[in-house]
Amino acid sequence: MTGKELKEYFKTHLVPSRLYKIGGKHNNRICLQQTEDGWELFFSERKDKVGLMRFETEEAACATMKNEIRKMMEILYGMTWAPEV
């Protein structure tokens, strides 16, 4: 899955865009960002990257982001989609 496909998936599953940022950094959101060495996934808090995870592939980063957003949706809204096996 690519970042573009993940963004479309989130729209289809009614994930509020204020929870995430794909392709950059935005305060108080889970962010997916490409770097020179691969991909980073983190929560942006002010200028800090909290819980920073690094990935070699876009697919691995997107799969992890999808799972993290799924868990967040369940905690915040009491609804989510079924986890993929």
Protein backbone atom coordinates (compact mmCIF):
# COMPACT_ATOMS: atom_id res chain seq x y z
CA MET A 1 0.00 0.00 0.00
CA THR A 2 1.24 3.48 -0.82
CA GLY A 3 0.64 6.70 1.08
CA LYS A 4 -1.86 7.78 -1.57
CA GLU A 5 -3.77 4.50 -1.24
CA LEU A 6 -3.69 4.77 2.56
CA LYS A 7 -5.11 8.28 2.43
CA GLU A 8 -7.99 7.01 0.27
CA TYR A 9 -8.50 4.08 2.66
CA PHE A 10 -8.80 6.49 5.58
CA LYS A 11 -11.36 8.59 3.69
CA THR A 12 -13.40 5.48 2.87
CA HIS A 13 -13.32 4.43 6.54
CA LEU A 14 -14.28 7.91 7.78
CA VAL A 15 -11.04 8.64 9.60
CA PRO A 16 -10.95 12.35 10.48
CA SER A 17 -8.07 14.05 8.69
CA ARG A 18 -7.15 15.86 11.91
CA LEU A 19 -5.70 12.57 13.21
CA TYR A 20 -3.03 12.11 10.57
CA LYS A 21 -0.72 13.69 8.01
CA ILE A 22 0.67 11.71 5.10
CA GLY A 23 3.67 13.18 3.33
CA GLY A 24 4.79 15.68 5.89
CA LYS A 25 4.57 16.88 9.47
CA HIS A 26 1.67 18.56 11.28
CA ASN A 27 1.36 19.30 14.99
CA ASN A 28 -0.70 16.85 17.10
CA ARG A 29 -1.09 14.24 14.35
CA ILE A 30 0.34 10.87 13.46
CA CYS A 31 2.66 11.63 10.56
CA LEU A 32 4.10 9.54 7.75
CA GLN A 33 7.10 11.16 6.11
CA GLN A 34 9.63 10.03 3.52
CA THR A 35 13.28 10.62 4.33
CA GLU A 36 16.57 10.02 2.54
CA ASP A 37 16.89 6.64 4.28
CA GLY A 38 13.30 5.41 3.99
CA TRP A 39 10.13 6.31 5.88
CA GLU A 40 9.33 7.68 9.32
CA LEU A 41 6.15 7.30 11.33
CA PHE A 42 5.69 9.41 14.46
CA PHE A 43 3.37 11.59 16.50
CA SER A 44 4.21 15.24 16.01
CA GLU A 45 4.12 17.25 19.21
CA ARG A 46 5.37 20.78 18.77
CA LYS A 47 8.75 20.24 17.11
CA ASP A 48 9.29 16.74 18.56
CA LYS A 49 8.82 13.40 16.84
CA VAL A 50 7.29 11.27 19.60
CA GLY A 51 7.40 7.48 19.22
CA LEU A 52 9.53 7.69 16.08
CA MET A 53 9.59 4.49 14.01
CA ARG A 54 11.72 4.07 10.89
CA PHE A 55 10.97 1.80 7.94
CA GLU A 56 12.85 0.81 4.81
CA THR A 57 9.71 0.53 2.66
CA GLU A 58 6.62 2.65 2.16
CA GLU A 59 4.48 -0.49 2.40
CA ALA A 60 5.74 -1.35 5.89
CA ALA A 61 5.31 2.23 7.10
CA CYS A 62 1.76 2.42 5.71
CA ALA A 63 0.77 -0.92 7.27
CA THR A 64 1.96 0.26 10.68
CA MET A 65 0.25 3.65 10.32
CA LYS A 66 -2.99 1.95 9.31
CA ASN A 67 -2.86 -0.21 12.45
CA GLU A 68 -1.99 2.73 14.73
CA ILE A 69 -4.87 4.82 13.34
CA ARG A 70 -7.21 1.83 13.74
CA LYS A 71 -6.32 1.60 17.43
CA MET A 72 -6.68 5.36 17.85
CA MET A 73 -10.15 5.31 16.24
CA GLU A 74 -11.23 2.59 18.63
CA ILE A 75 -10.01 4.50 21.69
CA LEU A 76 -11.32 7.92 20.66
CA TYR A 77 -14.57 7.03 18.93
CA GLY A 78 -15.39 3.47 19.99
CA MET A 79 -15.46 2.36 16.37
CA THR A 80 -12.96 1.03 13.88
CA TRP A 81 -12.47 -1.57 11.17
CA ALA A 82 -11.41 -5.16 11.78
CA PRO A 83 -7.65 -5.70 12.03
CA GLU A 84 -6.14 -7.53 9.08
CA VAL A 85 -4.39 -10.79 9.75
